[in-house]
């Protein structure tokens, strides 16, 4: 059975509002919440980018049942993997085992801020493999050293560890990344309902239950307003992952999307009050094999959306 989560839209909401939304999501019956780990927002219209790990710590204390996850964090440039291992372990302890670590190869948007070079994607994938190895070594406990091609670890120990191993998944925009996720014994995360990616993942012994996805639902009683909200907040995704991963700042995303029109998003983002349309798009993810699906709501009427989710959308999902 598919589990459903709520996306804490870090780029469009202040940190305190995100904590409040997590509490509301728990009350609305969502199974988990996810949060992106950004230093910058994608677009100038998005005026927030709070530190995800501080927000997760607050949510861990403000909630009791709902699970937490990053979707996703990059452990290879802005952070050293040892720091990610420690942050993840701390959130897992604070949440009493409710945390899943979502990992990815990152975006220049967030990683260039520390002044390091931005590697090609195949190098980032190699770095990601090393980073995962380091995290898993540190989660075993005890002092650990590691000498890799990209990272070194010297006599490091994470002292506060959860009772159970920390589950993790890897964002994948193509079959190479899906294979990497399986090879690293992690889960698979995707933003499109692509059954072939799930097939690649499972054919390499990936766990079909550890599959994750994210869908944007621009619900509003006014269809035109919903489309405008989707355009304002999510037009950055129109260029695809290869473009999205390479641009350095919100102004660059603004320039890259200047020719994107609201109607260009109609096929990819359900907009408006038609519940059947939202359900149809969600079902595509379910049919593709995703077992953990996070919904992202780009508007400002969060409580109303959660009521609509609870009363009208969720009951129609199998």
C-alpha atoms as a PDB file:
ATOM      1  CA  UNK A   1       0.000   0.000   0.000  1.00  0.00           C
ATOM      2  CA  UNK A   2       1.267   3.462  -0.902  1.00  0.00           C
ATOM      3  CA  UNK A   3       2.170   5.839   1.921  1.00  0.00           C
ATOM      4  CA  UNK A   4       1.490   9.537   1.376  1.00  0.00           C
ATOM      5  CA  UNK A   5       3.557  12.451   2.602  1.00  0.00           C
ATOM      6  CA  UNK A   6       3.376  16.229   2.640  1.00  0.00           C
ATOM      7  CA  UNK A   7       6.178  18.342   1.186  1.00  0.00           C
ATOM      8  CA  UNK A   8       7.388  21.153   3.418  1.00  0.00           C
ATOM      9  CA  UNK A   9       8.023  23.718   0.717  1.00  0.00           C
ATOM     10  CA  UNK A  10      11.129  25.282   2.205  1.00  0.00           C
ATOM     11  CA  UNK A  11      11.611  27.855  -0.563  1.00  0.00           C
ATOM     12  CA  UNK A  12       8.120  29.314  -0.214  1.00  0.00           C
ATOM     13  CA  UNK A  13       7.598  29.329   3.558  1.00  0.00           C
ATOM     14  CA  UNK A  14       9.328  30.702   6.640  1.00  0.00           C
ATOM     15  CA  UNK A  15      10.854  28.117   9.026  1.00  0.00           C
ATOM     16  CA  UNK A  16       8.205  28.562  11.727  1.00  0.00           C
ATOM     17  CA  UNK A  17       5.420  28.109   9.213  1.00  0.00           C
ATOM     18  CA  UNK A  18       6.972  24.841   8.074  1.00  0.00           C
ATOM     19  CA  UNK A  19       6.945  23.469  11.613  1.00  0.00           C
ATOM     20  CA  UNK A  20       3.280  24.443  11.937  1.00  0.00           C
ATOM     21  CA  UNK A  21       2.494  22.751   8.616  1.00  0.00           C
ATOM     22  CA  UNK A  22       4.179  19.558   9.783  1.00  0.00           C
ATOM     23  CA  UNK A  23       1.917  19.505  12.831  1.00  0.00           C
ATOM     24  CA  UNK A  24      -1.101  20.101  10.595  1.00  0.00           C
ATOM     25  CA  UNK A  25       0.040  17.329   8.245  1.00  0.00           C
ATOM     26  CA  UNK A  26       0.201  14.897  11.148  1.00  0.00           C
ATOM     27  CA  UNK A  27      -3.322  15.891  12.181  1.00  0.00           C
ATOM     28  CA  UNK A  28      -4.528  15.495   8.574  1.00  0.00           C
ATOM     29  CA  UNK A  29      -3.336  11.889   8.506  1.00  0.00           C
ATOM     30  CA  UNK A  30      -0.270  12.163   6.290  1.00  0.00           C
ATOM     31  CA  UNK A  31       2.227   9.362   6.846  1.00  0.00           C
ATOM     32  CA  UNK A  32       5.364  11.485   6.516  1.00  0.00           C
ATOM     33  CA  UNK A  33       6.718  14.923   5.694  1.00  0.00           C
ATOM     34  CA  UNK A  34       9.695  15.701   3.467  1.00  0.00           C
ATOM     35  CA  UNK A  35      11.811  18.830   3.223  1.00  0.00           C
ATOM     36  CA  UNK A  36      14.354  20.026   0.658  1.00  0.00           C
ATOM     37  CA  UNK A  37      17.811  21.066   1.830  1.00  0.00           C
ATOM     38  CA  UNK A  38      18.471  24.348   0.014  1.00  0.00           C
ATOM     39  CA  UNK A  39      20.820  27.249   0.553  1.00  0.00           C
ATOM     40  CA  UNK A  40      19.058  29.296  -2.149  1.00  0.00           C
ATOM     41  CA  UNK A  41      15.522  29.169  -3.536  1.00  0.00           C
ATOM     42  CA  UNK A  42      15.148  28.493  -7.258  1.00  0.00           C
ATOM     43  CA  UNK A  43      13.329  31.690  -8.225  1.00  0.00           C
ATOM     44  CA  UNK A  44      13.305  35.337  -7.105  1.00  0.00           C
ATOM     45  CA  UNK A  45       9.616  34.975  -6.191  1.00  0.00           C
ATOM     46  CA  UNK A  46      10.580  32.361  -3.618  1.00  0.00           C
ATOM     47  CA  UNK A  47      11.844  34.326  -0.641  1.00  0.00           C
ATOM     48  CA  UNK A  48      12.835  31.614   1.848  1.00  0.00           C
ATOM     49  CA  UNK A  49      15.450  28.896   2.305  1.00  0.00           C
ATOM     50  CA  UNK A  50      15.690  28.016   5.993  1.00  0.00           C
ATOM     51  CA  UNK A  51      18.199  25.451   7.263  1.00  0.00           C
ATOM     52  CA  UNK A  52      16.393  22.151   6.807  1.00  0.00           C
ATOM     53  CA  UNK A  53      18.164  20.363   9.659  1.00  0.00           C
ATOM     54  CA  UNK A  54      17.166  22.927  12.274  1.00  0.00           C
ATOM     55  CA  UNK A  55      13.591  22.775  11.020  1.00  0.00           C
ATOM     56  CA  UNK A  56      13.623  18.970  11.200  1.00  0.00           C
ATOM     57  CA  UNK A  57      14.827  19.121  14.801  1.00  0.00           C
ATOM     58  CA  UNK A  58      11.927  21.411  15.700  1.00  0.00           C
ATOM     59  CA  UNK A  59       9.453  19.147  13.884  1.00  0.00           C
ATOM     60  CA  UNK A  60      10.783  16.085  15.687  1.00  0.00           C
ATOM     61  CA  UNK A  61       9.816  17.746  18.980  1.00  0.00           C
ATOM     62  CA  UNK A  62       6.499  19.198  17.760  1.00  0.00           C
ATOM     63  CA  UNK A  63       5.137  15.899  16.382  1.00  0.00           C
ATOM     64  CA  UNK A  64       4.802  12.359  17.695  1.00  0.00           C
ATOM     65  CA  UNK A  65       3.748  10.012  14.883  1.00  0.00           C
ATOM     66  CA  UNK A  66       4.548  11.393  11.464  1.00  0.00           C
ATOM     67  CA  UNK A  67       7.780  10.289   9.795  1.00  0.00           C
ATOM     68  CA  UNK A  68      10.402  12.750   8.525  1.00  0.00           C
ATOM     69  CA  UNK A  69      12.694  12.733   5.496  1.00  0.00           C
ATOM     70  CA  UNK A  70      14.968  14.951   3.471  1.00  0.00           C
ATOM     71  CA  UNK A  71      14.082  15.131  -0.217  1.00  0.00           C
ATOM     72  CA  UNK A  72      16.950  15.528  -0.754  1.00  0.00           C
ATOM     73  CA  UNK A  73      20.278  16.555   0.745  1.00  0.00           C
ATOM     74  CA  UNK A  74      23.605  16.582  -1.090  1.00  0.00           C
ATOM     75  CA  UNK A  75      26.450  15.075   0.998  1.00  0.00           C
ATOM     76  CA  UNK A  76      29.368  15.816  -1.322  1.00  0.00           C
ATOM     77  CA  UNK A  77      30.200  19.555  -1.650  1.00  0.00           C
ATOM     78  CA  UNK A  78      28.539  21.915   0.817  1.00  0.00           C
ATOM     79  CA  UNK A  79      28.732  19.220   3.508  1.00  0.00           C
ATOM     80  CA  UNK A  80      31.346  16.597   4.220  1.00  0.00           C
ATOM     81  CA  UNK A  81      29.697  13.147   4.490  1.00  0.00           C
ATOM     82  CA  UNK A  82      30.797  12.891   8.136  1.00  0.00           C
ATOM     83  CA  UNK A  83      28.661  15.930   8.947  1.00  0.00           C
ATOM     84  CA  UNK A  84      25.652  14.490   7.110  1.00  0.00           C
ATOM     85  CA  UNK A  85      26.065  11.226   9.034  1.00  0.00           C
ATOM     86  CA  UNK A  86      26.041  13.140  12.321  1.00  0.00           C
ATOM     87  CA  UNK A  87      23.072  15.357  11.353  1.00  0.00           C
ATOM     88  CA  UNK A  88      21.015  12.371  10.200  1.00  0.00           C
ATOM     89  CA  UNK A  89      21.806  10.399  13.349  1.00  0.00           C
ATOM     90  CA  UNK A  90      20.798  13.332  15.562  1.00  0.00           C
ATOM     91  CA  UNK A  91      17.436  13.780  13.816  1.00  0.00           C
ATOM     92  CA  UNK A  92      16.851  10.014  13.995  1.00  0.00           C
ATOM     93  CA  UNK A  93      17.482  10.129  17.753  1.00  0.00           C
ATOM     94  CA  UNK A  94      15.312  13.211  18.320  1.00  0.00           C
ATOM     95  CA  UNK A  95      12.456  11.710  16.300  1.00  0.00           C
ATOM     96  CA  UNK A  96      12.793   8.295  17.964  1.00  0.00           C
ATOM     97  CA  UNK A  97      13.529   6.521  14.712  1.00  0.00           C
ATOM     98  CA  UNK A  98      11.087   8.368  12.462  1.00  0.00           C
ATOM     99  CA  UNK A  99      13.732   9.756  10.085  1.00  0.00           C
ATOM    100  CA  UNK A 100      14.733   8.677   6.565  1.00  0.00           C
ATOM    101  CA  UNK A 101      17.717  10.289   4.854  1.00  0.00           C
ATOM    102  CA  UNK A 102      17.076  11.289   1.256  1.00  0.00           C
ATOM    103  CA  UNK A 103      20.297  11.868  -0.697  1.00  0.00           C
ATOM    104  CA  UNK A 104      21.123  13.274  -4.116  1.00  0.00           C
ATOM    105  CA  UNK A 105      23.945  14.428  -6.365  1.00  0.00           C
ATOM    106  CA  UNK A 106      22.985  18.040  -5.754  1.00  0.00           C
ATOM    107  CA  UNK A 107      22.438  21.285  -7.628  1.00  0.00           C
ATOM    108  CA  UNK A 108      24.982  23.995  -8.320  1.00  0.00           C
ATOM    109  CA  UNK A 109      22.387  26.420  -6.908  1.00  0.00           C
ATOM    110  CA  UNK A 110      23.141  25.286  -3.368  1.00  0.00           C
ATOM    111  CA  UNK A 111      26.606  23.802  -3.501  1.00  0.00           C
ATOM    112  CA  UNK A 112      28.667  26.509  -5.208  1.00  0.00           C
ATOM    113  CA  UNK A 113      28.275  28.831  -2.213  1.00  0.00           C
ATOM    114  CA  UNK A 114      31.263  27.266  -0.433  1.00  0.00           C
ATOM    115  CA  UNK A 115      33.573  28.194  -3.318  1.00  0.00           C
ATOM    116  CA  UNK A 116      34.353  24.696  -4.544  1.00  0.00           C
ATOM    117  CA  UNK A 117      34.225  23.546  -8.159  1.00  0.00           C
ATOM    118  CA  UNK A 118      31.062  21.897  -9.464  1.00  0.00           C
ATOM    119  CA  UNK A 119      31.943  18.401 -10.752  1.00  0.00           C
ATOM    120  CA  UNK A 120      30.383  16.679 -13.758  1.00  0.00           C
ATOM    121  CA  UNK A 121      27.460  14.424 -12.949  1.00  0.00           C
ATOM    122  CA  UNK A 122      29.404  11.158 -13.303  1.00  0.00           C
ATOM    123  CA  UNK A 123      31.962  12.467 -10.806  1.00  0.00           C
ATOM    124  CA  UNK A 124      29.186  13.537  -8.439  1.00  0.00           C
ATOM    125  CA  UNK A 125      27.773  10.026  -8.585  1.00  0.00           C
ATOM    126  CA  UNK A 126      31.157   8.575  -7.639  1.00  0.00           C
ATOM    127  CA  UNK A 127      31.406  11.075  -4.799  1.00  0.00           C
ATOM    128  CA  UNK A 128      27.906  10.141  -3.675  1.00  0.00           C
ATOM    129  CA  UNK A 129      28.880   6.472  -3.480  1.00  0.00           C
ATOM    130  CA  UNK A 130      31.846   7.339  -1.268  1.00  0.00           C
ATOM    131  CA  UNK A 131      29.681   9.605   0.881  1.00  0.00           C
ATOM    132  CA  UNK A 132      27.180   6.814   1.490  1.00  0.00           C
ATOM    133  CA  UNK A 133      29.994   4.435   2.413  1.00  0.00           C
ATOM    134  CA  UNK A 134      31.272   6.943   4.992  1.00  0.00           C
ATOM    135  CA  UNK A 135      27.812   7.489   6.477  1.00  0.00           C
ATOM    136  CA  UNK A 136      27.228   3.757   6.859  1.00  0.00           C
ATOM    137  CA  UNK A 137      30.628   3.254   8.477  1.00  0.00           C
ATOM    138  CA  UNK A 138      29.961   6.005  11.011  1.00  0.00           C
ATOM    139  CA  UNK A 139      26.482   4.677  11.783  1.00  0.00           C
ATOM    140  CA  UNK A 140      28.048   1.381  12.864  1.00  0.00           C
ATOM    141  CA  UNK A 141      29.604   3.148  15.848  1.00  0.00           C
ATOM    142  CA  UNK A 142      33.159   3.406  17.081  1.00  0.00           C
ATOM    143  CA  UNK A 143      36.071   5.425  15.751  1.00  0.00           C
ATOM    144  CA  UNK A 144      36.412   5.183  11.993  1.00  0.00           C
ATOM    145  CA  UNK A 145      38.920   6.251   9.355  1.00  0.00           C
ATOM    146  CA  UNK A 146      38.473   6.158   5.586  1.00  0.00           C
ATOM    147  CA  UNK A 147      40.724   7.013   2.655  1.00  0.00           C
ATOM    148  CA  UNK A 148      38.872   7.410  -0.619  1.00  0.00           C
ATOM    149  CA  UNK A 149      39.383   9.106  -3.952  1.00  0.00           C
ATOM    150  CA  UNK A 150      37.264  12.117  -3.001  1.00  0.00           C
ATOM    151  CA  UNK A 151      36.867  12.032   0.783  1.00  0.00           C
ATOM    152  CA  UNK A 152      38.979  11.288   3.811  1.00  0.00           C
ATOM    153  CA  UNK A 153      37.831  10.517   7.319  1.00  0.00           C
ATOM    154  CA  UNK A 154      40.220  10.585  10.275  1.00  0.00           C
ATOM    155  CA  UNK A 155      39.374   8.989  13.633  1.00  0.00           C
ATOM    156  CA  UNK A 156      35.741  10.086  13.615  1.00  0.00           C
ATOM    157  CA  UNK A 157      32.878   8.758  15.729  1.00  0.00           C
ATOM    158  CA  UNK A 158      29.203   9.670  15.842  1.00  0.00           C
ATOM    159  CA  UNK A 159      28.370   9.272  19.514  1.00  0.00           C
ATOM    160  CA  UNK A 160      24.582   9.676  19.420  1.00  0.00           C
ATOM    161  CA  UNK A 161      23.110   6.952  17.249  1.00  0.00           C
ATOM    162  CA  UNK A 162      19.511   5.717  16.926  1.00  0.00           C
ATOM    163  CA  UNK A 163      18.580   2.241  18.055  1.00  0.00           C
ATOM    164  CA  UNK A 164      17.711   1.134  14.506  1.00  0.00           C
ATOM    165  CA  UNK A 165      19.681   1.655  11.261  1.00  0.00           C
ATOM    166  CA  UNK A 166      18.842   4.864   9.396  1.00  0.00           C
ATOM    167  CA  UNK A 167      16.998   4.129   6.121  1.00  0.00           C
ATOM    168  CA  UNK A 168      17.986   6.157   3.091  1.00  0.00           C
ATOM    169  CA  UNK A 169      17.060   6.718  -0.540  1.00  0.00           C
ATOM    170  CA  UNK A 170      18.707   8.370  -3.540  1.00  0.00           C
ATOM    171  CA  UNK A 171      17.199  10.834  -6.007  1.00  0.00           C
ATOM    172  CA  UNK A 172      17.358   9.501  -9.552  1.00  0.00           C
ATOM    173  CA  UNK A 173      16.644  11.351 -12.787  1.00  0.00           C
ATOM    174  CA  UNK A 174      17.802   8.512 -15.041  1.00  0.00           C
ATOM    175  CA  UNK A 175      18.669   4.835 -15.222  1.00  0.00           C
ATOM    176  CA  UNK A 176      22.309   5.296 -14.177  1.00  0.00           C
ATOM    177  CA  UNK A 177      21.209   6.936 -10.943  1.00  0.00           C
ATOM    178  CA  UNK A 178      18.553   4.254 -10.428  1.00  0.00           C
ATOM    179  CA  UNK A 179      21.239   1.603 -10.758  1.00  0.00           C
ATOM    180  CA  UNK A 180      23.443   3.550  -8.342  1.00  0.00           C
ATOM    181  CA  UNK A 181      20.614   3.618  -5.801  1.00  0.00           C
ATOM    182  CA  UNK A 182      20.257  -0.153  -5.980  1.00  0.00           C
ATOM    183  CA  UNK A 183      24.006  -0.746  -5.851  1.00  0.00           C
ATOM    184  CA  UNK A 184      24.237   1.413  -2.711  1.00  0.00           C
ATOM    185  CA  UNK A 185      21.441  -0.633  -1.073  1.00  0.00           C
ATOM    186  CA  UNK A 186      19.293   2.490  -0.724  1.00  0.00           C
ATOM    187  CA  UNK A 187      15.869   3.451  -1.985  1.00  0.00           C
ATOM    188  CA  UNK A 188      14.909   5.207  -5.216  1.00  0.00           C
ATOM    189  CA  UNK A 189      13.324   8.670  -5.460  1.00  0.00           C
ATOM    190  CA  UNK A 190      11.915  10.266  -8.613  1.00  0.00           C
ATOM    191  CA  UNK A 191       9.818  13.272  -9.588  1.00  0.00           C
ATOM    192  CA  UNK A 192       8.093  11.684 -12.596  1.00  0.00           C
ATOM    193  CA  UNK A 193       5.907   8.545 -12.694  1.00  0.00           C
ATOM    194  CA  UNK A 194       8.469   6.526 -14.655  1.00  0.00           C
ATOM    195  CA  UNK A 195       7.900   2.792 -14.331  1.00  0.00           C
ATOM    196  CA  UNK A 196      11.090   2.102 -16.293  1.00  0.00           C
ATOM    197  CA  UNK A 197      13.180   3.723 -13.546  1.00  0.00           C
ATOM    198  CA  UNK A 198      11.517   1.550 -10.935  1.00  0.00           C
ATOM    199  CA  UNK A 199      12.117  -1.450 -13.205  1.00  0.00           C
ATOM    200  CA  UNK A 200      15.800  -0.618 -13.532  1.00  0.00           C
ATOM    201  CA  UNK A 201      16.054  -0.204  -9.770  1.00  0.00           C
ATOM    202  CA  UNK A 202      14.339  -3.487  -8.907  1.00  0.00           C
ATOM    203  CA  UNK A 203      16.185  -5.413 -11.644  1.00  0.00           C
ATOM    204  CA  UNK A 204      19.396  -4.535  -9.785  1.00  0.00           C
ATOM    205  CA  UNK A 205      17.963  -5.950  -6.531  1.00  0.00           C
ATOM    206  CA  UNK A 206      16.571  -2.640  -5.294  1.00  0.00           C
ATOM    207  CA  UNK A 207      13.825  -2.952  -2.691  1.00  0.00           C
ATOM    208  CA  UNK A 208      10.462  -2.226  -4.415  1.00  0.00           C
ATOM    209  CA  UNK A 209       9.039  -0.994  -1.089  1.00  0.00           C
ATOM    210  CA  UNK A 210      11.799   1.627  -0.774  1.00  0.00           C
ATOM    211  CA  UNK A 211      10.591   3.694  -3.735  1.00  0.00           C
ATOM    212  CA  UNK A 212       9.753   7.381  -3.351  1.00  0.00           C
ATOM    213  CA  UNK A 213       8.243  10.100  -5.468  1.00  0.00           C
ATOM    214  CA  UNK A 214       6.995  13.669  -5.379  1.00  0.00           C
ATOM    215  CA  UNK A 215       4.092  15.320  -7.183  1.00  0.00           C
ATOM    216  CA  UNK A 216       2.958  18.953  -7.258  1.00  0.00           C
ATOM    217  CA  UNK A 217      -0.788  19.511  -6.695  1.00  0.00           C
ATOM    218  CA  UNK A 218      -1.782  23.126  -7.321  1.00  0.00           C
ATOM    219  CA  UNK A 219      -5.244  22.928  -5.773  1.00  0.00           C
ATOM    220  CA  UNK A 220      -7.467  26.014  -5.675  1.00  0.00           C
ATOM    221  CA  UNK A 221     -11.164  26.699  -6.170  1.00  0.00           C
ATOM    222  CA  UNK A 222     -10.119  29.077  -8.967  1.00  0.00           C
ATOM    223  CA  UNK A 223      -8.408  27.142 -11.778  1.00  0.00           C
ATOM    224  CA  UNK A 224      -6.731  30.224 -13.274  1.00  0.00           C
ATOM    225  CA  UNK A 225      -5.342  31.200  -9.883  1.00  0.00           C
ATOM    226  CA  UNK A 226      -4.057  27.653  -9.353  1.00  0.00           C
ATOM    227  CA  UNK A 227      -2.269  27.700 -12.701  1.00  0.00           C
ATOM    228  CA  UNK A 228      -0.724  31.074 -11.931  1.00  0.00           C
ATOM    229  CA  UNK A 229       0.515  29.780  -8.568  1.00  0.00           C
ATOM    230  CA  UNK A 230       2.067  26.736 -10.222  1.00  0.00           C
ATOM    231  CA  UNK A 231       3.759  28.993 -12.753  1.00  0.00           C
ATOM    232  CA  UNK A 232       5.045  31.399 -10.144  1.00  0.00           C
ATOM    233  CA  UNK A 233       6.456  28.727  -7.843  1.00  0.00           C
ATOM    234  CA  UNK A 234       7.354  25.707  -9.998  1.00  0.00           C
ATOM    235  CA  UNK A 235       8.167  26.886 -13.528  1.00  0.00           C
ATOM    236  CA  UNK A 236      11.852  26.230 -12.726  1.00  0.00           C
ATOM    237  CA  UNK A 237      11.195  22.506 -13.290  1.00  0.00           C
ATOM    238  CA  UNK A 238      10.175  23.016 -16.930  1.00  0.00           C
ATOM    239  CA  UNK A 239      13.776  22.855 -18.146  1.00  0.00           C
ATOM    240  CA  UNK A 240      14.381  19.385 -16.763  1.00  0.00           C
ATOM    241  CA  UNK A 241      16.990  18.078 -14.378  1.00  0.00           C
ATOM    242  CA  UNK A 242      20.014  18.597 -16.648  1.00  0.00           C
ATOM    243  CA  UNK A 243      19.343  22.347 -16.700  1.00  0.00           C
ATOM    244  CA  UNK A 244      18.113  22.537 -13.114  1.00  0.00           C
ATOM    245  CA  UNK A 245      21.271  20.991 -11.659  1.00  0.00           C
ATOM    246  CA  UNK A 246      23.618  23.405 -13.392  1.00  0.00           C
ATOM    247  CA  UNK A 247      22.265  26.932 -12.772  1.00  0.00           C
ATOM    248  CA  UNK A 248      23.930  28.832  -9.898  1.00  0.00           C
ATOM    249  CA  UNK A 249      21.428  31.431  -8.652  1.00  0.00           C
ATOM    250  CA  UNK A 250      17.740  32.414  -8.664  1.00  0.00           C
ATOM    251  CA  UNK A 251      18.438  35.140 -11.245  1.00  0.00           C
ATOM    252  CA  UNK A 252      19.723  32.450 -13.632  1.00  0.00           C
ATOM    253  CA  UNK A 253      16.579  30.384 -13.150  1.00  0.00           C
ATOM    254  CA  UNK A 254      14.522  33.510 -13.835  1.00  0.00           C
ATOM    255  CA  UNK A 255      16.403  34.058 -17.108  1.00  0.00           C
ATOM    256  CA  UNK A 256      16.161  30.386 -18.090  1.00  0.00           C
ATOM    257  CA  UNK A 257      12.382  30.356 -17.559  1.00  0.00           C
ATOM    258  CA  UNK A 258      11.487  33.709 -19.128  1.00  0.00           C
ATOM    259  CA  UNK A 259       9.896  31.976 -22.120  1.00  0.00           C
ATOM    260  CA  UNK A 260       7.983  29.411 -20.039  1.00  0.00           C
ATOM    261  CA  UNK A 261       4.252  30.096 -20.148  1.00  0.00           C
ATOM    262  CA  UNK A 262       1.655  29.030 -17.580  1.00  0.00           C
ATOM    263  CA  UNK A 263       0.016  26.758 -20.145  1.00  0.00           C
ATOM    264  CA  UNK A 264       3.322  24.890 -20.537  1.00  0.00           C
ATOM    265  CA  UNK A 265       2.778  23.443 -17.065  1.00  0.00           C
ATOM    266  CA  UNK A 266      -0.737  22.126 -17.650  1.00  0.00           C
ATOM    267  CA  UNK A 267       0.410  18.623 -18.608  1.00  0.00           C
ATOM    268  CA  UNK A 268       2.762  18.173 -15.654  1.00  0.00           C
ATOM    269  CA  UNK A 269       0.953  19.901 -12.759  1.00  0.00           C
ATOM    270  CA  UNK A 270      -2.751  19.380 -12.003  1.00  0.00           C
ATOM    271  CA  UNK A 271      -4.274  22.788 -11.292  1.00  0.00           C
ATOM    272  CA  UNK A 272      -7.660  23.847  -9.920  1.00  0.00           C
ATOM    273  CA  UNK A 273     -10.585  22.361  -7.998  1.00  0.00           C
ATOM    274  CA  UNK A 274     -11.121  19.186 -10.065  1.00  0.00           C
ATOM    275  CA  UNK A 275     -10.428  16.412  -7.567  1.00  0.00           C
ATOM    276  CA  UNK A 276     -10.575  13.751 -10.264  1.00  0.00           C
ATOM    277  CA  UNK A 277      -7.693  15.426 -12.075  1.00  0.00           C
ATOM    278  CA  UNK A 278      -5.524  15.392  -8.943  1.00  0.00           C
ATOM    279  CA  UNK A 279      -6.385  11.763  -8.231  1.00  0.00           C
ATOM    280  CA  UNK A 280      -5.600  10.751 -11.820  1.00  0.00           C
ATOM    281  CA  UNK A 281      -2.118  12.264 -11.643  1.00  0.00           C
ATOM    282  CA  UNK A 282      -1.415  10.624  -8.275  1.00  0.00           C
ATOM    283  CA  UNK A 283      -2.555   7.257  -9.618  1.00  0.00           C
ATOM    284  CA  UNK A 284       0.099   7.494 -12.335  1.00  0.00           C
ATOM    285  CA  UNK A 285       2.772   7.468  -9.625  1.00  0.00           C
ATOM    286  CA  UNK A 286       1.106   4.576  -7.831  1.00  0.00           C
ATOM    287  CA  UNK A 287       0.943   2.557 -11.053  1.00  0.00           C
ATOM    288  CA  UNK A 288       4.608   3.298 -11.765  1.00  0.00           C
ATOM    289  CA  UNK A 289       5.530   1.476  -8.556  1.00  0.00           C
ATOM    290  CA  UNK A 290       6.105   4.332  -6.089  1.00  0.00           C
ATOM    291  CA  UNK A 291       5.339   3.237  -2.527  1.00  0.00           C
ATOM    292  CA  UNK A 292       6.012   6.545  -0.739  1.00  0.00           C
ATOM    293  CA  UNK A 293       4.599   9.609  -2.505  1.00  0.00           C
ATOM    294  CA  UNK A 294       5.011  13.172  -1.241  1.00  0.00           C
ATOM    295  CA  UNK A 295       2.556  15.826  -2.431  1.00  0.00           C
ATOM    296  CA  UNK A 296       3.785  19.394  -2.814  1.00  0.00           C
ATOM    297  CA  UNK A 297       1.262  22.210  -2.508  1.00  0.00           C
ATOM    298  CA  UNK A 298       2.593  25.541  -3.862  1.00  0.00           C
ATOM    299  CA  UNK A 299      -0.202  27.790  -2.586  1.00  0.00           C
ATOM    300  CA  UNK A 300      -0.757  29.630   0.683  1.00  0.00           C
ATOM    301  CA  UNK A 301      -4.030  28.036   1.857  1.00  0.00           C
ATOM    302  CA  UNK A 302      -2.354  25.087   3.542  1.00  0.00           C
ATOM    303  CA  UNK A 303      -5.097  24.245   6.044  1.00  0.00           C
ATOM    304  CA  UNK A 304      -7.758  24.264   3.326  1.00  0.00           C
ATOM    305  CA  UNK A 305      -5.635  22.058   1.090  1.00  0.00           C
ATOM    306  CA  UNK A 306      -5.119  19.557   3.896  1.00  0.00           C
ATOM    307  CA  UNK A 307      -8.863  19.433   4.537  1.00  0.00           C
ATOM    308  CA  UNK A 308      -9.478  18.799   0.836  1.00  0.00           C
ATOM    309  CA  UNK A 309      -6.775  16.124   0.888  1.00  0.00           C
ATOM    310  CA  UNK A 310      -8.261  14.393   3.916  1.00  0.00           C
ATOM    311  CA  UNK A 311     -11.910  14.590   2.858  1.00  0.00           C
ATOM    312  CA  UNK A 312     -11.816  14.373  -0.944  1.00  0.00           C
ATOM    313  CA  UNK A 313      -8.479  13.252  -2.419  1.00  0.00           C
ATOM    314  CA  UNK A 314      -7.101  10.624  -0.024  1.00  0.00           C
ATOM    315  CA  UNK A 315     -10.322   8.530   0.153  1.00  0.00           C
ATOM    316  CA  UNK A 316     -10.170   7.973  -3.621  1.00  0.00           C
ATOM    317  CA  UNK A 317      -6.628   6.588  -3.633  1.00  0.00           C
ATOM    318  CA  UNK A 318      -5.995   2.862  -3.573  1.00  0.00           C
END
